[in-house]
């Protein structure tokens, strides 16, 4: 349970860092980042899982790329579903997914 909460907190911090680094990505406050991280996680667990399953033939050869593309789609969908979290387009969502992945790897190592 504590591990799940730490991953959620780490994802919210990664979203804040991504919003700071990438233009056209806005997060109102840290509470919004926590909610966005939760929504993105739920979307990845449901719709994202189905998309990865459909993309399995491609994902078998390029798993990191498929994961990144699906994650970007879920980030863009989450930004459409909630207020206070805005991502201008798919390119920005892809950059957010990349920054979040990098931050999760770097901070997750500690």
Foldseek 3Di string as FASTA:
>chain_A
DVVVVVVLLLLLVLLVVLQVVFPQWFAQDSVSSSVLSVQLVVCCVPVVVVQCVVCVVVCVVVVVVSNLLSSLVSSQVSQVVDPRTGHPDSVSSSSSSVSSVVSCVVVVVD
